[in-house]
Amino acid sequence: MLKNVLTAAGAALALCSAAAFAGPGASKLHDDLPGVLSEAQPGELIPVIIVMSEQTEAFDLVALRAMDKASRRQFVLNALQATANNTQGGVLSLLSQAQDAGKADQISPLWISNVVSARVTSDVAMRLAKRADVAYLSYDRPIGEEVFPVLPAVGQTDPGGGVITAVECGTALMHAPTAWSNGITGAGVVVGMIDTGVCITHPDIAGQIWTNPGEIANNGIDDDANGFVDDIHGWSFDGGGSNNNISDSQGHGSHTAGTVAGDGTQGTQSGMAPDAQIQVIKFWNSFSGQAAAWNCMQYGVANGADVESNSYGWPHSQNPDRTTWRSVTENVMASGVVLVFAAGNEGACCGIDSVRTPGDVPDMITVGATDCNMNITSYSSRGPVSWTGVNPYNDWPYPPGKIKPSISAPGDNTTSHNLCSGYVQFSGTSMATPHVAGAVALMLQANPNLDHWDCLQILRDTSIDRGTAGDDNTYGMGFVDAWAAVQAAMDMACQADFNGDGSVNTLDVLAFLNAWNAGSSEADFNGDGTVNTLDVSAFLNAWVPGC
């Protein structure tokens, strides 16, 4: 996200082997785009990602974490939108003219990172590459079902019996029922399900579907002025986008949504957080690209998602735009939204390229898959990962690289929703991921002030160690214990009773600031042995009135 560095990134990463695309601008054609353009038929529209040279400065996380979450989200959103609005005009004008000439379509300006996606002809791509305000172009290769780390159903489809007879084994093993018995069910938490859509009429999920409070159904008007007409329950960004295509015809999204919030109406309680709200954000129907996923993540940030569950990822063999993925995901995290991604189903196939993008982003909550005996599966992707050679980051050199996954959760033979009725079993890190997203929903009900980094740390601190002692590239820090994480979230909130009077109020803020100004060791709120601005951030983030 560093300003004005991506032009150099594009030049360093470009692979321009096609002679037809030599000359000015050729150095900005990223990875396999030159070959794709050289093989394109006359007039063929190629999906591309246009990364702008100007990017928003990296956010000051200490300052952000001192804000309340609503103000923080709006601050980040305003900054990102200002960068996009101030810099994309020339590119959008060129694309508009190309569209009028039949040489471009599906133009989508984004602000979650300063990029524009479109389908363009080869000559338009070259014109874009020659612009000083464009850092580079990459090929937004359409990807099929391989984007989802899921294995075929292993059990018989169960139509459901109408009476709760079982709690799904992973949900039980993570101690979610203990959280429910203590009043923590995910109530009030919005989970953005970025997937193949959701069959919203499944009896176990129908009561948990998010409804846009600012929209009047089916009146053909964008009532809340968010840019989406009649987005009552979410939006589909597949194939150009619509409000009437959010349903799931593939099955993956319904299954993952059931693991987050299925309430067991038909007989099996599959959901970790049965009172959470599911915001349906669809990015895939048969083939989709990276920009569709980024649009989904942007929608969640702009429309109130508290956590986004992402049971997909790009294998490195697909040449994902790792630079933009990291920019997008770190901006989402900065906004206060918690991000959870699948590690992938590649096992240890490919060394430092075994974990998918963006599960490979350093601060991502990246989820590996176990069975219901807490044993890691053979297919769960192993780390480490490295960002050496990915400009402008060039960090986490290997060896040793960055340990991945972050944590692990049940994903083998997982029972959840079979489209619109009954249940079916699937396996994969796709199934482990919504177990963790549901656990995060429980944590956020217990302490709404938690942000992405808080949730990552709590999940790791409270996990059950498995495999090699401590952090490792098989389990991460271990198996997620949702109830222990909820308790830690509650404790973190109540630690803000700084003056010890039994309540959390403004008197605690005054007491803390007095101690901090005096340099008192009591103001070492984050316990790192020093008193500094990080303690202010930690204290204010924990300060939840009424605890």
Protein backbone atom coordinates (compact mmCIF):
# COMPACT_ATOMS: atom_id res chain seq x y z
CA MET A 1 0.00 0.00 0.00
CA LEU A 2 2.95 2.33 -0.14
CA LYS A 3 2.41 5.34 -2.35
CA ASN A 4 4.00 5.48 -5.80
CA VAL A 5 5.88 2.19 -5.51
CA LEU A 6 3.69 -0.02 -7.64
CA THR A 7 5.06 1.24 -10.95
CA ALA A 8 8.38 -0.29 -9.98
CA ALA A 9 6.54 -3.42 -8.86
CA GLY A 10 4.91 -3.81 -12.26
CA ALA A 11 8.20 -3.38 -14.08
CA ALA A 12 9.97 -5.89 -11.87
CA LEU A 13 7.25 -8.51 -12.16
CA ALA A 14 6.48 -8.19 -15.86
CA LEU A 15 7.33 -11.05 -18.19
CA CYS A 16 7.20 -9.73 -21.72
CA SER A 17 8.06 -12.60 -24.00
CA ALA A 18 5.62 -11.78 -26.78
CA ALA A 19 7.37 -9.75 -29.47
CA ALA A 20 4.09 -8.21 -30.54
CA PHE A 21 3.93 -6.45 -27.18
CA ALA A 22 7.45 -5.07 -27.02
CA GLY A 23 8.13 -1.35 -26.83
CA PRO A 24 6.59 1.40 -24.68
CA GLY A 25 4.28 0.02 -21.99
CA ALA A 26 5.35 -3.62 -22.48
CA SER A 27 7.19 -3.68 -19.15
CA LYS A 28 3.85 -3.09 -17.40
CA LEU A 29 2.24 -6.28 -18.71
CA HIS A 30 2.27 -8.59 -15.71
CA ASP A 31 3.06 -12.30 -15.68
CA ASP A 32 1.20 -14.20 -18.44
CA LEU A 33 -0.73 -11.23 -19.84
CA PRO A 34 1.61 -10.66 -22.83
CA GLY A 35 1.04 -14.19 -24.05
CA VAL A 36 -2.71 -13.96 -23.56
CA LEU A 37 -2.88 -10.70 -25.50
CA SER A 38 -0.71 -12.03 -28.32
CA GLU A 39 -3.00 -15.04 -28.76
CA ALA A 40 -6.26 -13.06 -28.58
CA GLN A 41 -8.52 -13.00 -31.61
CA PRO A 42 -9.26 -9.62 -33.26
CA GLY A 43 -11.82 -7.81 -31.13
CA GLU A 44 -11.65 -10.40 -28.33
CA LEU A 45 -12.21 -8.90 -24.88
CA ILE A 46 -9.62 -9.99 -22.31
CA PRO A 47 -10.33 -9.57 -18.56
CA VAL A 48 -7.61 -7.41 -17.02
CA ILE A 49 -6.77 -5.77 -13.73
CA ILE A 50 -5.47 -2.20 -14.08
CA VAL A 51 -3.44 -1.26 -11.00
CA MET A 52 -3.05 2.48 -10.51
CA SER A 53 0.35 3.97 -9.68
CA GLU A 54 -1.08 6.06 -6.84
CA GLN A 55 -2.06 4.03 -3.78
CA THR A 56 -3.29 5.14 -0.36
CA GLU A 57 -0.55 5.56 2.23
CA ALA A 58 -0.29 2.75 4.77
CA PHE A 59 -2.68 3.37 7.66
CA ASP A 60 -1.43 4.19 11.15
CA LEU A 61 -2.88 1.21 13.02
CA VAL A 62 -2.19 2.71 16.44
CA ALA A 63 -4.32 5.73 15.55
CA LEU A 64 -7.00 3.59 13.91
CA ARG A 65 -7.31 1.24 16.86
CA ALA A 66 -7.84 4.19 19.18
CA MET A 67 -11.05 5.08 17.28
CA ASP A 68 -14.45 3.55 17.84
CA LYS A 69 -15.15 0.96 15.14
CA ALA A 70 -17.78 2.95 13.24
CA SER A 71 -15.51 5.99 12.98
CA ARG A 72 -12.57 3.81 12.04
CA ARG A 73 -14.44 2.12 9.21
CA GLN A 74 -15.63 5.43 7.83
CA PHE A 75 -12.15 6.97 8.07
CA VAL A 76 -10.59 4.11 6.11
CA LEU A 77 -13.41 4.07 3.57
CA ASN A 78 -13.11 7.84 3.01
CA ALA A 79 -9.34 7.67 2.54
CA LEU A 80 -9.51 4.79 0.06
CA GLN A 81 -12.35 6.35 -1.91
CA ALA A 82 -10.55 9.70 -2.09
CA THR A 83 -7.48 8.07 -3.64
CA ALA A 84 -9.58 6.24 -6.23
CA ASN A 85 -11.76 9.25 -7.05
CA ASN A 86 -8.74 11.52 -7.47
CA THR A 87 -6.73 9.24 -9.74
CA GLN A 88 -8.95 6.96 -11.84
CA GLY A 89 -10.56 9.60 -14.05
CA GLY A 90 -8.20 9.31 -17.01
CA VAL A 91 -8.34 5.53 -17.13
CA LEU A 92 -12.12 5.49 -16.82
CA SER A 93 -12.44 8.03 -19.62
CA LEU A 94 -10.27 5.89 -21.90
CA LEU A 95 -12.30 2.80 -21.02
CA SER A 96 -15.59 4.60 -21.61
CA GLN A 97 -14.48 5.61 -25.09
CA ALA A 98 -13.31 2.07 -25.77
CA GLN A 99 -16.66 0.73 -24.60
CA ASP A 100 -18.46 3.01 -27.04
CA ALA A 101 -16.29 1.52 -29.79
CA GLY A 102 -17.03 -2.06 -28.69
CA LYS A 103 -13.51 -2.54 -27.33
CA ALA A 104 -14.27 -2.70 -23.60
CA ASP A 105 -17.00 -3.79 -21.21
CA GLN A 106 -17.64 -4.83 -17.59
CA ILE A 107 -15.75 -1.75 -16.33
CA SER A 108 -15.52 -1.82 -12.54
CA PRO A 109 -13.61 0.84 -10.58
CA LEU A 110 -12.62 -0.30 -7.09
CA TRP A 111 -11.40 1.62 -4.07
CA ILE A 112 -10.63 -1.18 -1.58
CA SER A 113 -7.33 -1.02 -3.47
CA ASN A 114 -6.84 1.53 -6.22
CA VAL A 115 -7.54 -0.70 -9.21
CA VAL A 116 -9.96 -0.88 -12.14
CA SER A 117 -11.09 -4.13 -13.71
CA ALA A 118 -12.47 -4.44 -17.22
CA ARG A 119 -12.53 -6.58 -20.31
CA VAL A 120 -10.56 -4.93 -23.11
CA THR A 121 -9.07 -5.65 -26.51
CA SER A 122 -5.32 -6.05 -26.94
CA ASP A 123 -4.83 -2.58 -28.38
CA VAL A 124 -6.72 -0.96 -25.49
CA ALA A 125 -4.59 -2.91 -23.02
CA MET A 126 -1.46 -1.49 -24.63
CA ARG A 127 -2.86 2.03 -24.51
CA LEU A 128 -3.51 1.60 -20.80
CA ALA A 129 -0.04 0.22 -20.19
CA LYS A 130 1.55 3.32 -21.72
CA ARG A 131 -0.17 5.65 -19.23
CA ALA A 132 1.95 7.18 -16.46
CA ASP A 133 -0.89 6.79 -13.96
CA VAL A 134 -1.01 3.01 -14.47
CA ALA A 135 1.46 0.87 -12.52
CA TYR A 136 0.79 -2.39 -14.35
CA LEU A 137 -1.85 -4.64 -15.89
CA SER A 138 -2.41 -8.29 -15.01
CA TYR A 139 -4.60 -10.98 -16.50
CA ASP A 140 -7.75 -11.64 -14.46
CA ARG A 141 -7.86 -15.28 -15.45
CA PRO A 142 -11.36 -16.76 -15.02
CA ILE A 143 -11.17 -19.63 -12.54
CA GLY A 144 -13.49 -22.61 -12.17
CA GLU A 145 -14.35 -24.85 -9.22
CA GLU A 146 -10.67 -25.27 -8.38
CA VAL A 147 -10.90 -21.94 -6.54
CA PHE A 148 -12.77 -23.78 -3.75
CA PRO A 149 -10.68 -26.11 -1.57
CA VAL A 150 -13.45 -28.70 -1.17
CA LEU A 151 -13.66 -32.44 -1.74
CA PRO A 152 -16.77 -34.31 -2.99
CA ALA A 153 -19.52 -35.38 -0.61
CA VAL A 154 -18.58 -38.46 1.37
CA GLY A 155 -21.89 -39.13 3.12
CA GLN A 156 -25.46 -39.64 2.01
CA THR A 157 -27.67 -36.61 1.62
CA ASP A 158 -29.92 -36.30 4.67
CA PRO A 159 -33.35 -34.70 4.12
CA GLY A 160 -33.57 -33.63 7.76
CA GLY A 161 -36.11 -34.68 10.31
CA GLY A 162 -37.45 -31.46 11.78
CA VAL A 163 -36.20 -32.07 15.34
CA ILE A 164 -32.66 -31.31 16.48
CA THR A 165 -31.07 -34.71 16.95
CA ALA A 166 -27.42 -33.80 16.62
CA VAL A 167 -24.90 -31.00 16.82
CA GLU A 168 -22.35 -31.21 13.99
CA CYS A 169 -19.19 -32.83 15.32
CA GLY A 170 -16.85 -29.92 14.62
CA THR A 171 -19.22 -27.41 16.19
CA ALA A 172 -19.42 -29.57 19.31
CA LEU A 173 -15.67 -30.21 19.41
CA MET A 174 -14.98 -26.47 19.35
CA HIS A 175 -17.25 -26.05 22.41
CA ALA A 176 -19.71 -23.75 20.68
CA PRO A 177 -22.65 -25.24 22.66
CA THR A 178 -21.00 -24.02 25.88
CA ALA A 179 -20.99 -20.49 24.47
CA TRP A 180 -24.69 -20.83 23.54
CA SER A 181 -25.57 -21.97 27.05
CA ASN A 182 -23.89 -18.81 28.32
CA GLY A 183 -25.96 -16.57 26.06
CA ILE A 184 -23.35 -16.14 23.29
CA THR A 185 -24.90 -17.15 19.95
CA GLY A 186 -23.52 -14.56 17.52
CA ALA A 187 -26.52 -12.27 17.93
CA GLY A 188 -26.08 -8.88 16.29
CA VAL A 189 -22.99 -9.89 14.28
CA VAL A 190 -23.08 -9.64 10.45
CA VAL A 191 -21.05 -12.27 8.61
CA GLY A 192 -20.32 -11.55 4.96
CA MET A 193 -20.43 -14.93 3.18
CA ILE A 194 -18.32 -14.49 0.05
CA ASP A 195 -19.02 -17.63 -1.89
CA THR A 196 -21.30 -19.21 -4.51
CA GLY A 197 -24.37 -17.59 -2.97
CA VAL A 198 -26.75 -19.04 -0.39
CA CYS A 199 -30.11 -20.74 -0.70
CA ILE A 200 -31.82 -18.38 1.72
CA THR A 201 -34.97 -20.52 2.07
CA HIS A 202 -33.26 -23.45 3.82
CA PRO A 203 -35.26 -23.78 7.06
CA ASP A 204 -32.07 -23.72 9.14
CA ILE A 205 -30.84 -20.40 7.70
CA ALA A 206 -33.96 -18.49 6.64
CA GLY A 207 -34.19 -16.65 9.96
CA GLN A 208 -30.54 -15.60 9.92
CA ILE A 209 -30.34 -13.88 6.52
CA TRP A 210 -29.21 -10.26 6.72
CA THR A 211 -31.68 -7.65 5.50
CA ASN A 212 -30.41 -4.28 4.37
CA PRO A 213 -32.06 -1.78 6.75
CA GLY A 214 -31.78 1.07 4.24
CA GLU A 215 -33.40 -0.63 1.27
CA ILE A 216 -37.08 -1.00 0.30
CA ALA A 217 -37.61 -4.30 -1.44
CA ASN A 218 -38.28 -4.48 -5.17
CA ASN A 219 -38.99 -0.80 -5.81
CA GLY A 220 -36.21 -0.44 -8.37
CA ILE A 221 -34.59 2.40 -6.39
CA ASP A 222 -31.22 2.56 -4.66
CA ASP A 223 -32.85 3.76 -1.42
CA ASP A 224 -29.68 3.82 0.67
CA ALA A 225 -27.54 5.30 -2.15
CA ASN A 226 -24.88 2.62 -1.78
CA GLY A 227 -24.69 2.03 -5.54
CA PHE A 228 -26.77 -1.17 -5.54
CA VAL A 229 -30.47 -1.21 -6.38
CA ASP A 230 -32.64 -3.49 -4.22
CA ASP A 231 -29.72 -5.23 -2.50
CA ILE A 232 -32.08 -6.55 0.14
CA HIS A 233 -30.01 -9.51 1.30
CA GLY A 234 -26.72 -8.83 -0.46
CA TRP A 235 -25.40 -8.75 -4.02
CA SER A 236 -23.99 -10.99 -6.72
CA PHE A 237 -20.79 -9.81 -8.39
CA ASP A 238 -20.71 -12.81 -10.71
CA GLY A 239 -21.00 -11.97 -14.40
CA GLY A 240 -21.33 -8.22 -14.00
CA GLY A 241 -23.45 -8.16 -10.84
CA SER A 242 -27.12 -8.21 -9.88
CA ASN A 243 -29.47 -8.29 -6.91
CA ASN A 244 -31.52 -11.26 -8.13
CA ASN A 245 -28.78 -13.87 -8.53
CA ILE A 246 -27.61 -14.34 -4.95
CA SER A 247 -29.05 -17.84 -4.66
CA ASP A 248 -26.76 -20.84 -4.75
CA SER A 249 -27.00 -23.40 -7.55
CA GLN A 250 -23.64 -25.04 -6.82
CA GLY A 251 -23.96 -25.97 -3.14
CA HIS A 252 -20.67 -24.73 -1.71
CA GLY A 253 -21.98 -21.39 -0.38
CA SER A 254 -25.07 -22.92 1.23
CA HIS A 255 -22.87 -25.48 2.98
CA THR A 256 -20.41 -22.90 4.33
CA ALA A 257 -23.22 -20.57 5.44
CA GLY A 258 -24.80 -23.45 7.34
CA THR A 259 -21.54 -23.97 9.22
CA VAL A 260 -21.58 -20.34 10.32
CA ALA A 261 -25.23 -19.91 11.29
CA GLY A 262 -27.40 -23.01 10.68
CA ASP A 263 -29.76 -23.34 13.66
CA GLY A 264 -30.78 -27.00 13.36
CA THR A 265 -34.45 -26.51 12.46
CA GLN A 266 -34.39 -29.64 10.25
CA GLY A 267 -32.51 -31.81 12.70
CA THR A 268 -28.76 -31.09 12.70
CA GLN A 269 -27.33 -27.94 14.26
CA SER A 270 -24.41 -27.27 11.95
CA GLY A 271 -23.85 -23.60 12.77
CA MET A 272 -21.28 -22.20 15.17
CA ALA A 273 -23.21 -18.93 15.66
CA PRO A 274 -26.92 -19.72 15.14
CA ASP A 275 -28.07 -16.13 15.70
CA ALA A 276 -25.51 -14.40 13.47
CA GLN A 277 -26.75 -12.63 10.33
CA ILE A 278 -25.61 -13.93 6.94
CA GLN A 279 -24.92 -11.21 4.37
CA VAL A 280 -24.95 -12.98 0.99
CA ILE A 281 -22.12 -11.74 -1.24
CA LYS A 282 -21.75 -13.92 -4.33
CA PHE A 283 -18.61 -13.91 -6.45
CA TRP A 284 -18.78 -17.20 -8.33
CA ASN A 285 -21.30 -19.14 -10.41
CA SER A 286 -19.25 -21.05 -12.97
CA PHE A 287 -16.19 -18.90 -13.75
CA SER A 288 -15.06 -15.74 -11.97
CA GLY A 289 -11.91 -13.69 -11.55
CA GLN A 290 -10.03 -12.02 -8.73
CA ALA A 291 -11.74 -8.65 -9.21
CA ALA A 292 -15.14 -10.21 -8.50
CA ALA A 293 -13.84 -11.36 -5.10
CA TRP A 294 -12.37 -7.91 -4.39
CA ASN A 295 -15.72 -6.32 -5.22
CA CYS A 296 -17.34 -8.68 -2.72
CA MET A 297 -14.91 -7.75 0.02
CA GLN A 298 -15.42 -4.07 -0.73
CA TYR A 299 -19.20 -4.50 -0.50
CA GLY A 300 -18.89 -6.06 2.95
CA VAL A 301 -16.75 -3.17 4.22
CA ALA A 302 -19.18 -0.58 2.83
CA ASN A 303 -22.32 -2.34 4.04
CA GLY A 304 -21.66 -3.32 7.61
CA ALA A 305 -20.10 -6.80 7.62
CA ASP A 306 -18.29 -7.46 10.90
CA VAL A 307 -16.44 -10.55 9.64
CA GLU A 308 -16.01 -11.95 6.13
CA SER A 309 -15.84 -15.72 5.62
CA ASN A 310 -13.89 -16.75 2.52
CA SER A 311 -13.72 -20.46 1.69
CA TYR A 312 -11.67 -20.05 -1.46
CA GLY A 313 -8.22 -19.08 -2.65
CA TRP A 314 -6.01 -18.83 -5.71
CA PRO A 315 -3.33 -21.53 -6.07
CA HIS A 316 -0.01 -19.92 -6.98
CA SER A 317 -0.06 -21.95 -10.20
CA GLN A 318 -2.88 -19.63 -11.32
CA ASN A 319 -0.58 -16.58 -11.06
CA PRO A 320 -2.74 -14.51 -8.70
CA ASP A 321 -1.93 -10.81 -8.37
CA ARG A 322 -0.41 -11.21 -4.92
CA THR A 323 0.50 -7.52 -4.68
CA THR A 324 -3.12 -6.41 -5.05
CA TRP A 325 -4.46 -9.25 -2.92
CA ARG A 326 -2.28 -8.12 -0.04
CA SER A 327 -3.27 -4.48 -0.53
CA VAL A 328 -6.98 -5.36 -0.64
CA THR A 329 -6.95 -7.63 2.39
CA GLU A 330 -4.81 -5.34 4.55
CA ASN A 331 -7.17 -2.45 3.76
CA VAL A 332 -10.14 -4.59 4.80
CA MET A 333 -8.37 -5.43 8.06
CA ALA A 334 -7.56 -1.76 8.64
CA SER A 335 -11.27 -0.93 8.39
CA GLY A 336 -11.95 -3.13 11.43
CA VAL A 337 -13.53 -6.04 9.53
CA VAL A 338 -12.21 -9.47 10.51
CA LEU A 339 -11.01 -11.62 7.57
CA VAL A 340 -10.93 -15.43 7.59
CA PHE A 341 -9.55 -17.41 4.61
CA ALA A 342 -8.94 -21.03 3.73
CA ALA A 343 -5.35 -22.27 3.56
CA GLY A 344 -6.10 -24.57 0.61
CA ASN A 345 -6.18 -28.30 -0.10
CA GLU A 346 -2.68 -28.66 -1.55
CA GLY A 347 -1.02 -30.33 1.44
CA ALA A 348 2.74 -29.79 1.20
CA CYS A 349 2.69 -30.09 -2.58
CA CYS A 350 4.69 -27.06 -3.53
CA GLY A 351 7.00 -25.91 -0.77
CA ILE A 352 6.52 -22.20 -0.05
CA ASP A 353 3.75 -22.10 -2.69
CA SER A 354 1.47 -24.64 -0.99
CA VAL A 355 -0.76 -22.11 0.83
CA ARG A 356 -3.16 -20.27 -1.46
CA THR A 357 -3.49 -16.53 -1.96
CA PRO A 358 -4.65 -14.63 0.07
CA GLY A 359 -4.31 -17.18 2.85
CA ASP A 360 -0.61 -16.46 2.40
CA VAL A 361 -0.99 -12.81 3.48
CA PRO A 362 1.09 -12.51 6.68
CA ASP A 363 -1.63 -11.19 9.03
CA MET A 364 -4.49 -13.24 7.54
CA ILE A 365 -6.50 -15.57 9.78
CA THR A 366 -5.62 -18.61 7.67
CA VAL A 367 -7.38 -21.86 8.47
CA GLY A 368 -6.11 -25.42 8.14
CA ALA A 369 -8.43 -28.46 8.31
CA THR A 370 -8.60 -31.24 10.90
CA ASP A 371 -10.93 -34.16 11.41
CA CYS A 372 -13.19 -34.43 14.42
CA ASN A 373 -10.37 -35.96 16.44
CA MET A 374 -8.34 -32.75 16.03
CA ASN A 375 -5.92 -34.52 13.66
CA ILE A 376 -4.73 -32.54 10.65
CA THR A 377 -5.92 -33.84 7.29
CA SER A 378 -3.50 -34.95 4.62
CA TYR A 379 -4.82 -32.34 2.18
CA SER A 380 -4.65 -29.27 4.45
CA SER A 381 -2.10 -26.86 2.96
CA ARG A 382 1.16 -26.46 4.86
CA GLY A 383 3.43 -23.46 5.13
CA PRO A 384 5.69 -21.65 5.29
CA VAL A 385 5.05 -18.81 2.86
CA SER A 386 7.38 -16.11 1.57
CA TRP A 387 6.82 -12.68 0.06
CA THR A 388 10.34 -12.24 -1.27
CA GLY A 389 10.13 -10.96 -4.83
CA VAL A 390 6.59 -9.64 -4.44
CA ASN A 391 6.98 -5.88 -4.72
CA PRO A 392 6.64 -3.61 -2.85
CA TYR A 393 6.63 -5.96 0.13
CA ASN A 394 9.68 -8.21 -0.30
CA ASP A 395 9.37 -9.56 3.23
CA TRP A 396 9.26 -12.91 5.01
CA PRO A 397 12.27 -14.38 3.17
CA TYR A 398 12.65 -18.15 3.09
CA PRO A 399 14.13 -19.73 5.06
CA PRO A 400 12.38 -19.63 7.43
CA GLY A 401 9.47 -17.71 5.85
CA LYS A 402 6.17 -17.03 7.59
CA ILE A 403 4.44 -19.88 9.43
CA LYS A 404 1.05 -20.82 7.99
CA PRO A 405 -1.75 -21.68 8.66
CA SER A 406 -2.63 -19.43 11.62
CA ILE A 407 -4.84 -22.01 13.32
CA SER A 408 -6.82 -25.15 12.43
CA ALA A 409 -10.44 -26.23 12.75
CA PRO A 410 -12.70 -29.13 11.74
CA GLY A 411 -13.17 -29.55 8.00
CA ASP A 412 -13.31 -33.29 7.31
CA ASN A 413 -16.67 -34.97 6.64
CA THR A 414 -18.46 -31.81 7.75
CA THR A 415 -22.26 -31.99 7.80
CA SER A 416 -24.06 -28.83 6.73
CA HIS A 417 -26.78 -27.54 4.43
CA ASN A 418 -27.60 -29.24 1.15
CA LEU A 419 -28.76 -26.23 -0.87
CA CYS A 420 -32.38 -25.48 0.12
CA SER A 421 -33.19 -28.48 2.34
CA GLY A 422 -31.50 -31.19 4.36
CA TYR A 423 -27.83 -31.89 4.86
CA VAL A 424 -24.78 -33.22 3.07
CA GLN A 425 -21.14 -33.84 3.97
CA PHE A 426 -18.17 -32.10 2.33
CA SER A 427 -14.50 -31.97 3.28
CA GLY A 428 -11.78 -29.36 2.86
CA THR A 429 -10.31 -26.21 4.31
CA SER A 430 -13.44 -24.68 2.74
CA MET A 431 -15.35 -26.38 5.56
CA ALA A 432 -12.85 -25.45 8.30
CA THR A 433 -12.96 -21.74 7.44
CA PRO A 434 -16.64 -21.07 8.34
CA HIS A 435 -16.14 -22.91 11.63
CA VAL A 436 -13.61 -20.19 12.48
CA ALA A 437 -15.73 -17.37 11.02
CA GLY A 438 -18.57 -18.57 13.26
CA ALA A 439 -16.23 -18.63 16.26
CA VAL A 440 -15.27 -15.03 15.45
CA ALA A 441 -18.99 -14.10 15.38
CA LEU A 442 -19.30 -15.48 18.91
CA MET A 443 -16.24 -13.49 19.99
CA LEU A 444 -17.61 -10.28 18.47
CA GLN A 445 -20.90 -10.64 20.33
CA ALA A 446 -18.90 -11.10 23.54
CA ASN A 447 -16.73 -8.05 22.76
CA PRO A 448 -17.83 -5.91 19.79
CA ASN A 449 -14.67 -3.79 19.97
CA LEU A 450 -12.38 -6.58 18.76
CA ASP A 451 -10.70 -6.00 15.41
CA HIS A 452 -8.94 -8.39 13.05
CA TRP A 453 -5.64 -8.45 14.95
CA ASP A 454 -7.37 -8.92 18.30
CA CYS A 455 -9.31 -11.90 16.96
CA LEU A 456 -6.20 -13.42 15.37
CA GLN A 457 -4.26 -13.13 18.62
CA ILE A 458 -7.06 -14.48 20.80
CA LEU A 459 -7.69 -17.45 18.50
CA ARG A 460 -4.01 -18.32 18.62
CA ASP A 461 -3.58 -17.70 22.36
CA THR A 462 -6.55 -19.92 23.29
CA SER A 463 -6.01 -22.70 20.75
CA ILE A 464 -5.33 -26.30 21.78
CA ASP A 465 -1.75 -27.09 20.82
CA ARG A 466 -1.41 -29.93 18.32
CA GLY A 467 1.52 -31.48 16.51
CA THR A 468 4.91 -29.91 17.15
CA ALA A 469 4.85 -27.84 20.34
CA GLY A 470 3.96 -24.23 19.65
CA ASP A 471 3.50 -22.60 16.27
CA ASP A 472 4.10 -24.89 13.29
CA ASN A 473 3.42 -25.13 9.56
CA THR A 474 0.89 -27.94 9.96
CA TYR A 475 -1.60 -26.78 12.61
CA GLY A 476 -0.49 -23.19 13.11
CA MET A 477 -0.86 -22.47 16.82
CA GLY A 478 -3.33 -25.33 17.17
CA PHE A 479 -7.00 -26.29 17.18
CA VAL A 480 -9.55 -23.51 17.78
CA ASP A 481 -11.44 -23.62 21.09
CA ALA A 482 -14.37 -21.27 20.50
CA TRP A 483 -15.53 -21.10 24.11
CA ALA A 484 -12.02 -20.34 25.38
CA ALA A 485 -11.78 -17.60 22.71
CA VAL A 486 -15.12 -16.14 23.82
CA GLN A 487 -13.97 -16.08 27.43
CA ALA A 488 -10.75 -14.33 26.43
CA ALA A 489 -12.76 -11.79 24.44
CA MET A 490 -14.91 -11.09 27.49
CA ASP A 491 -11.86 -10.82 29.73
CA MET A 492 -10.22 -8.38 27.34
CA ALA A 493 -13.26 -6.12 27.54
CA CYS A 494 -13.47 -6.25 31.30
CA GLN A 495 -9.77 -5.50 31.77
CA ALA A 496 -10.74 -1.92 31.00
CA ASP A 497 -12.09 -1.57 34.56
CA PHE A 498 -8.82 0.22 35.22
CA ASN A 499 -9.76 1.79 38.54
CA GLY A 500 -11.25 -1.44 39.89
CA ASP A 501 -14.67 -0.09 40.86
CA GLY A 502 -16.56 -2.97 39.21
CA SER A 503 -17.75 -1.07 36.15
CA VAL A 504 -16.29 0.21 32.90
CA ASN A 505 -16.91 3.93 32.34
CA THR A 506 -15.17 7.23 31.64
CA LEU A 507 -13.55 7.17 35.08
CA ASP A 508 -11.43 4.27 33.85
CA VAL A 509 -10.24 6.32 30.87
CA LEU A 510 -9.19 9.16 33.16
CA ALA A 511 -7.45 6.78 35.55
CA PHE A 512 -5.58 5.07 32.74
CA LEU A 513 -4.49 8.32 31.05
CA ASN A 514 -3.24 9.70 34.37
CA ALA A 515 -1.18 6.54 34.94
CA TRP A 516 0.07 6.57 31.35
CA ASN A 517 1.12 10.25 31.50
CA ALA A 518 3.01 9.51 34.69
CA GLY A 519 4.77 6.55 33.06
CA SER A 520 3.40 4.20 35.73
CA SER A 521 4.05 0.50 35.16
CA GLU A 522 0.31 -0.02 35.71
CA ALA A 523 -0.21 1.63 32.32
CA ASP A 524 1.66 -1.18 30.56
CA PHE A 525 -1.75 -2.36 29.40
CA ASN A 526 -0.54 -4.70 26.68
CA GLY A 527 2.08 -6.27 28.94
CA ASP A 528 5.10 -5.79 26.67
CA GLY A 529 7.28 -4.32 29.42
CA THR A 530 7.14 -0.70 28.25
CA VAL A 531 4.67 2.16 28.53
CA ASN A 532 4.04 3.68 25.11
CA THR A 533 1.32 4.56 22.61
CA LEU A 534 0.61 0.88 21.98
CA ASP A 535 -0.80 0.73 25.52
CA VAL A 536 -3.21 3.58 24.74
CA SER A 537 -4.41 1.74 21.66
CA ALA A 538 -4.81 -1.52 23.59
CA PHE A 539 -6.70 0.15 26.42
CA LEU A 540 -9.09 2.11 24.22
CA ASN A 541 -9.76 -0.97 22.10
CA ALA A 542 -10.69 -2.91 25.24
CA TRP A 543 -12.84 -0.16 26.70
CA VAL A 544 -16.42 -1.37 26.27
CA PRO A 545 -18.96 0.62 28.31
CA GLY A 546 -21.30 -1.54 30.38
CA CYS A 547 -19.01 -4.56 30.70
